[in-house]
Amino acid sequence: MERLLLIVFILTMIIHAAETLSYSIRLAGVRLNKIAVALSLTGIIVLVSRTANLVQAPLTAKFVDFARGNASFDLLVHLRWILLASSVGTLIAIALFPSFVSLFGRIIARLEVTGSIPKLISSVSIGQLMRTRHYLRIPRFRISQYRYLGISKTFILLNVVVTSFYTVGVLSSLYAAYRLPQYTTMASQATGIINGVATILLTVFIDPQLGLITDKALNHEEQRNQLGKIYVLLMTSRFFGTMLAQFVLIPGAYFIGIIVKLI
């Protein structure tokens, strides 16, 4: 099971790193005034993370099946390792953020020339891949630079909470299925109970505010210069959200258990 845990750990890192790096595409799009192209690339990055999630979810469910036949197997510890992977993936994305802003800026410019993703991919040469090292940037972050930047504390806190819900949704449902063997199927499919709340909060409060921040950056030079710092602040709040998920895991499982029993 250690090998399986390693695979799930890596997939979880990829999922959260890819989703967090979508901020670098937005910033590159704003700087080049090509936000529509940037959003289309963001959709591709999200597709990559969702595809990895399709593989990760059933692999994670295997831990539940194994735990039922092995009393010595600590399922909760393994689930917490998977949550740790989400935090590590987010941290990696924050460290790579300056480099990927430069890299995605180049990709957006090339996409404008080639006209499509398949042509863009086919036009990439070995020499161009070797030159990607020139886009590497060392992140320089100072906490004093990121004092909210006009972003409300409520919005930052809400981003932390929503991220924790999204991070823990699948794992809480699986742990609920382990705790309630008589409701295994129903509990394992109850991810939407937690993720649904997160989706509502994201759609109503997070996405409109994020769009407003980006729109202001397109129209105001001062806001544009601060946008990178704002995105780093939001990515940092995502990291704290993945850490908060460690505390939400068990309450989320109990909450799903209560709902499943009521149904």
Protein backbone atom coordinates (compact mmCIF):
# COMPACT_ATOMS: atom_id res chain seq x y z
CA MET A 1 0.00 0.00 0.00
CA GLU A 2 3.02 2.27 0.39
CA ARG A 3 3.51 2.33 -3.38
CA LEU A 4 -0.17 3.15 -3.90
CA LEU A 5 0.07 5.95 -1.32
CA LEU A 6 3.05 7.39 -3.20
CA ILE A 7 1.09 7.36 -6.49
CA VAL A 8 -1.93 9.05 -4.89
CA PHE A 9 0.37 11.54 -3.15
CA ILE A 10 1.95 12.55 -6.48
CA LEU A 11 -1.40 12.78 -8.27
CA THR A 12 -2.80 14.96 -5.48
CA MET A 13 0.22 17.25 -5.71
CA ILE A 14 -0.30 17.57 -9.48
CA ILE A 15 -4.00 18.38 -9.04
CA HIS A 16 -3.46 21.16 -6.53
CA ALA A 17 -0.32 22.53 -8.17
CA ALA A 18 -2.11 22.76 -11.53
CA GLU A 19 -5.18 24.46 -10.08
CA THR A 20 -3.06 26.94 -8.12
CA LEU A 21 -0.86 27.74 -11.14
CA SER A 22 -3.95 28.88 -13.03
CA TYR A 23 -3.34 32.23 -11.31
CA SER A 24 -0.08 32.57 -13.25
CA ILE A 25 -1.99 32.22 -16.53
CA ARG A 26 -4.41 34.95 -15.49
CA LEU A 27 -1.55 37.27 -14.59
CA ALA A 28 0.26 36.59 -17.87
CA GLY A 29 -2.97 37.31 -19.75
CA VAL A 30 -3.47 40.60 -17.94
CA ARG A 31 0.09 41.73 -18.61
CA LEU A 32 -0.27 40.94 -22.31
CA ASN A 33 -3.87 42.24 -22.41
CA LYS A 34 -4.94 38.79 -23.67
CA ILE A 35 -7.22 37.76 -20.83
CA ALA A 36 -9.63 35.80 -23.08
CA VAL A 37 -6.78 33.62 -24.37
CA ALA A 38 -5.49 33.22 -20.84
CA LEU A 39 -8.87 32.01 -19.60
CA SER A 40 -9.01 29.40 -22.36
CA LEU A 41 -5.61 28.11 -21.24
CA THR A 42 -6.85 28.11 -17.66
CA GLY A 43 -9.61 25.74 -18.77
CA ILE A 44 -6.97 23.36 -20.14
CA ILE A 45 -5.01 23.42 -16.88
CA VAL A 46 -8.18 22.69 -14.93
CA LEU A 47 -8.91 19.82 -17.35
CA VAL A 48 -5.49 18.33 -16.55
CA SER A 49 -6.20 18.49 -12.83
CA ARG A 50 -9.68 17.03 -13.27
CA THR A 51 -8.26 14.16 -15.35
CA ALA A 52 -5.73 13.42 -12.63
CA ASN A 53 -8.59 13.50 -10.12
CA LEU A 54 -10.48 10.83 -12.11
CA VAL A 55 -7.50 8.53 -11.53
CA GLN A 56 -6.84 9.62 -7.96
CA ALA A 57 -10.37 9.12 -6.58
CA PRO A 58 -10.75 5.35 -7.25
CA LEU A 59 -7.16 4.75 -6.10
CA THR A 60 -7.95 6.49 -2.83
CA ALA A 61 -11.10 4.38 -2.45
CA LYS A 62 -8.88 1.30 -2.50
CA PHE A 63 -7.52 2.34 0.91
CA VAL A 64 -11.05 1.98 2.33
CA ASP A 65 -11.43 -1.55 0.93
CA PHE A 66 -8.02 -2.53 2.28
CA ALA A 67 -8.73 -1.04 5.73
CA ARG A 68 -11.86 -3.15 6.13
CA GLY A 69 -9.87 -6.37 5.80
CA ASN A 70 -6.87 -5.25 7.84
CA ALA A 71 -7.53 -4.01 11.37
CA SER A 72 -3.94 -2.82 11.74
CA PHE A 73 -4.20 -0.50 8.75
CA ASP A 74 -4.69 3.13 9.85
CA LEU A 75 -6.92 4.64 7.17
CA LEU A 76 -7.05 8.06 8.80
CA VAL A 77 -3.26 8.45 8.71
CA HIS A 78 -3.20 7.65 4.98
CA LEU A 79 -5.97 10.16 4.30
CA ARG A 80 -4.03 12.82 6.20
CA TRP A 81 -0.96 12.09 4.06
CA ILE A 82 -3.09 12.71 0.97
CA LEU A 83 -4.24 16.02 2.45
CA LEU A 84 -0.61 16.89 3.12
CA ALA A 85 0.07 16.28 -0.58
CA SER A 86 -2.46 18.99 -1.45
CA SER A 87 -0.56 21.44 0.76
CA VAL A 88 2.78 20.45 -0.77
CA GLY A 89 1.38 20.84 -4.30
CA THR A 90 0.07 24.31 -3.46
CA LEU A 91 3.44 25.34 -2.00
CA ILE A 92 5.22 24.09 -5.12
CA ALA A 93 2.87 26.18 -7.26
CA ILE A 94 3.56 29.29 -5.16
CA ALA A 95 7.32 28.75 -5.57
CA LEU A 96 6.94 28.27 -9.34
CA PHE A 97 4.53 31.18 -9.77
CA PRO A 98 7.06 33.79 -11.08
CA SER A 99 8.57 31.28 -13.52
CA PHE A 100 5.20 30.18 -14.88
CA VAL A 101 4.01 33.76 -15.35
CA SER A 102 6.94 34.26 -17.74
CA LEU A 103 6.46 30.87 -19.37
CA PHE A 104 2.72 31.27 -19.89
CA GLY A 105 3.30 34.74 -21.28
CA ARG A 106 5.40 33.12 -23.99
CA ILE A 107 2.81 30.38 -24.55
CA ILE A 108 0.01 32.94 -24.96
CA ALA A 109 2.09 34.87 -27.48
CA ARG A 110 2.83 31.68 -29.43
CA LEU A 111 -0.80 30.60 -29.30
CA GLU A 112 -1.79 33.88 -30.92
CA VAL A 113 0.56 33.04 -33.81
CA THR A 114 -0.31 29.35 -34.26
CA GLY A 115 -4.05 29.80 -33.71
CA SER A 116 -4.78 26.51 -31.92
CA ILE A 117 -3.50 24.27 -29.14
CA PRO A 118 -2.67 21.28 -31.44
CA LYS A 119 -0.63 23.52 -33.76
CA LEU A 120 1.04 25.09 -30.74
CA ILE A 121 2.07 21.69 -29.39
CA SER A 122 3.28 20.42 -32.78
CA SER A 123 5.37 23.57 -33.28
CA VAL A 124 7.39 23.01 -30.12
CA SER A 125 10.95 21.84 -30.80
CA ILE A 126 13.56 20.26 -28.54
CA GLY A 127 15.56 23.47 -28.66
CA GLN A 128 12.56 25.48 -27.45
CA LEU A 129 12.03 23.06 -24.57
CA MET A 130 15.69 23.43 -23.63
CA ARG A 131 15.32 27.20 -23.57
CA THR A 132 12.52 27.07 -21.00
CA ARG A 133 15.21 27.27 -18.30
CA HIS A 134 15.58 30.94 -19.23
CA TYR A 135 12.06 31.53 -17.88
CA LEU A 136 12.97 30.31 -14.41
CA ARG A 137 12.60 33.01 -11.77
CA ILE A 138 13.54 32.88 -8.11
CA PRO A 139 10.51 33.82 -6.00
CA ARG A 140 11.06 36.76 -3.69
CA PHE A 141 8.28 37.11 -1.17
CA ARG A 142 8.20 39.46 1.80
CA ILE A 143 5.20 39.28 4.08
CA SER A 144 5.25 43.05 4.60
CA GLN A 145 4.48 43.54 0.89
CA TYR A 146 1.18 41.67 1.07
CA ARG A 147 -0.83 43.53 3.68
CA TYR A 148 -4.23 42.69 2.21
CA LEU A 149 -3.63 45.00 -0.83
CA GLY A 150 -7.19 46.26 -0.71
CA ILE A 151 -8.56 42.72 -0.37
CA SER A 152 -10.95 42.32 2.54
CA LYS A 153 -10.07 39.96 5.38
CA THR A 154 -13.50 38.35 4.91
CA PHE A 155 -12.70 37.46 1.30
CA ILE A 156 -9.35 35.94 2.28
CA LEU A 157 -10.94 33.93 5.09
CA LEU A 158 -13.73 32.76 2.80
CA ASN A 159 -11.15 31.59 0.26
CA VAL A 160 -9.46 29.56 3.02
CA VAL A 161 -12.76 27.93 4.04
CA VAL A 162 -13.90 27.15 0.49
CA THR A 163 -10.52 25.61 -0.35
CA SER A 164 -10.68 23.41 2.74
CA PHE A 165 -14.12 22.12 1.71
CA TYR A 166 -13.00 21.34 -1.82
CA THR A 167 -9.83 19.66 -0.58
CA VAL A 168 -11.56 17.40 1.90
CA GLY A 169 -14.81 16.57 0.08
CA VAL A 170 -13.82 13.22 -1.48
CA LEU A 171 -11.77 12.09 1.51
CA SER A 172 -14.50 12.87 4.04
CA SER A 173 -17.04 10.88 2.01
CA LEU A 174 -14.64 7.92 1.84
CA TYR A 175 -13.97 8.05 5.57
CA ALA A 176 -17.73 8.21 6.19
CA ALA A 177 -18.12 5.11 3.98
CA TYR A 178 -15.50 3.33 6.11
CA ARG A 179 -17.24 4.29 9.36
CA LEU A 180 -20.68 3.28 8.10
CA PRO A 181 -20.27 -0.01 6.22
CA GLN A 182 -24.05 -0.39 5.97
CA TYR A 183 -24.18 2.85 3.97
CA THR A 184 -20.97 2.37 1.99
CA THR A 185 -22.27 3.17 -1.48
CA MET A 186 -24.38 6.12 -0.42
CA ALA A 187 -21.65 7.66 1.74
CA SER A 188 -18.94 7.23 -0.91
CA GLN A 189 -21.12 9.07 -3.41
CA ALA A 190 -21.93 11.90 -0.99
CA THR A 191 -18.98 14.09 -1.93
CA GLY A 192 -21.39 16.65 -3.33
CA ILE A 193 -22.80 17.36 0.14
CA ILE A 194 -19.58 19.16 1.11
CA ASN A 195 -18.41 20.17 -2.36
CA GLY A 196 -21.88 21.54 -3.12
CA VAL A 197 -21.58 24.02 -0.27
CA ALA A 198 -18.12 24.95 -1.51
CA THR A 199 -19.42 25.39 -5.08
CA ILE A 200 -22.18 27.74 -3.93
CA LEU A 201 -19.71 29.83 -1.90
CA LEU A 202 -17.25 29.85 -4.79
CA THR A 203 -19.85 30.88 -7.37
CA VAL A 204 -21.53 33.53 -5.25
CA PHE A 205 -18.61 35.09 -3.38
CA ILE A 206 -15.18 34.06 -4.75
CA ASP A 207 -15.47 34.04 -8.55
CA PRO A 208 -17.21 37.44 -8.91
CA GLN A 209 -14.66 39.08 -6.60
CA LEU A 210 -11.77 37.48 -8.46
CA GLY A 211 -13.21 38.65 -11.78
CA LEU A 212 -13.61 42.17 -10.38
CA ILE A 213 -9.99 42.22 -9.21
CA THR A 214 -8.79 41.10 -12.66
CA ASP A 215 -11.01 43.61 -14.43
CA LYS A 216 -9.65 46.46 -12.32
CA ALA A 217 -6.12 45.39 -13.18
CA LEU A 218 -6.93 45.57 -16.89
CA ASN A 219 -8.11 49.16 -16.57
CA HIS A 220 -5.82 50.62 -13.92
CA GLU A 221 -2.03 50.59 -14.13
CA GLU A 222 -1.54 50.74 -10.35
CA GLN A 223 -3.85 47.77 -9.81
CA ARG A 224 -2.10 45.88 -12.60
CA ASN A 225 1.25 46.32 -10.85
CA GLN A 226 -0.22 44.89 -7.65
CA LEU A 227 -2.08 41.99 -9.28
CA GLY A 228 0.83 39.56 -8.92
CA LYS A 229 1.01 40.25 -5.19
CA ILE A 230 -2.76 39.85 -4.90
CA TYR A 231 -2.61 36.46 -6.61
CA VAL A 232 0.22 35.36 -4.30
CA LEU A 233 -1.94 36.40 -1.36
CA LEU A 234 -4.84 34.33 -2.71
CA MET A 235 -2.58 31.35 -3.39
CA THR A 236 -1.28 31.59 0.16
CA SER A 237 -4.87 31.56 1.43
CA ARG A 238 -5.39 28.40 -0.66
CA PHE A 239 -2.42 26.84 1.12
CA PHE A 240 -3.92 27.62 4.51
CA GLY A 241 -7.18 26.16 3.21
CA THR A 242 -5.46 22.85 2.49
CA MET A 243 -4.02 22.93 6.01
CA LEU A 244 -7.45 23.66 7.48
CA ALA A 245 -8.73 20.59 5.61
CA GLN A 246 -6.80 18.44 8.10
CA PHE A 247 -9.21 19.67 10.80
CA VAL A 248 -12.30 19.48 8.58
CA LEU A 249 -11.73 15.84 7.53
CA ILE A 250 -13.36 14.10 10.50
CA PRO A 251 -16.20 16.62 11.10
CA GLY A 252 -16.96 16.43 7.38
CA ALA A 253 -17.19 12.63 7.59
CA TYR A 254 -19.52 12.82 10.60
CA PHE A 255 -21.65 15.41 8.83
CA ILE A 256 -21.98 13.18 5.78
CA GLY A 257 -22.83 10.28 8.08
CA ILE A 258 -25.68 12.25 9.66
CA ILE A 259 -27.09 13.25 6.28
CA VAL A 260 -26.84 9.69 4.94
CA LYS A 261 -28.67 8.27 7.94
CA LEU A 262 -31.44 10.87 7.62
CA ILE A 263 -31.95 10.02 3.97
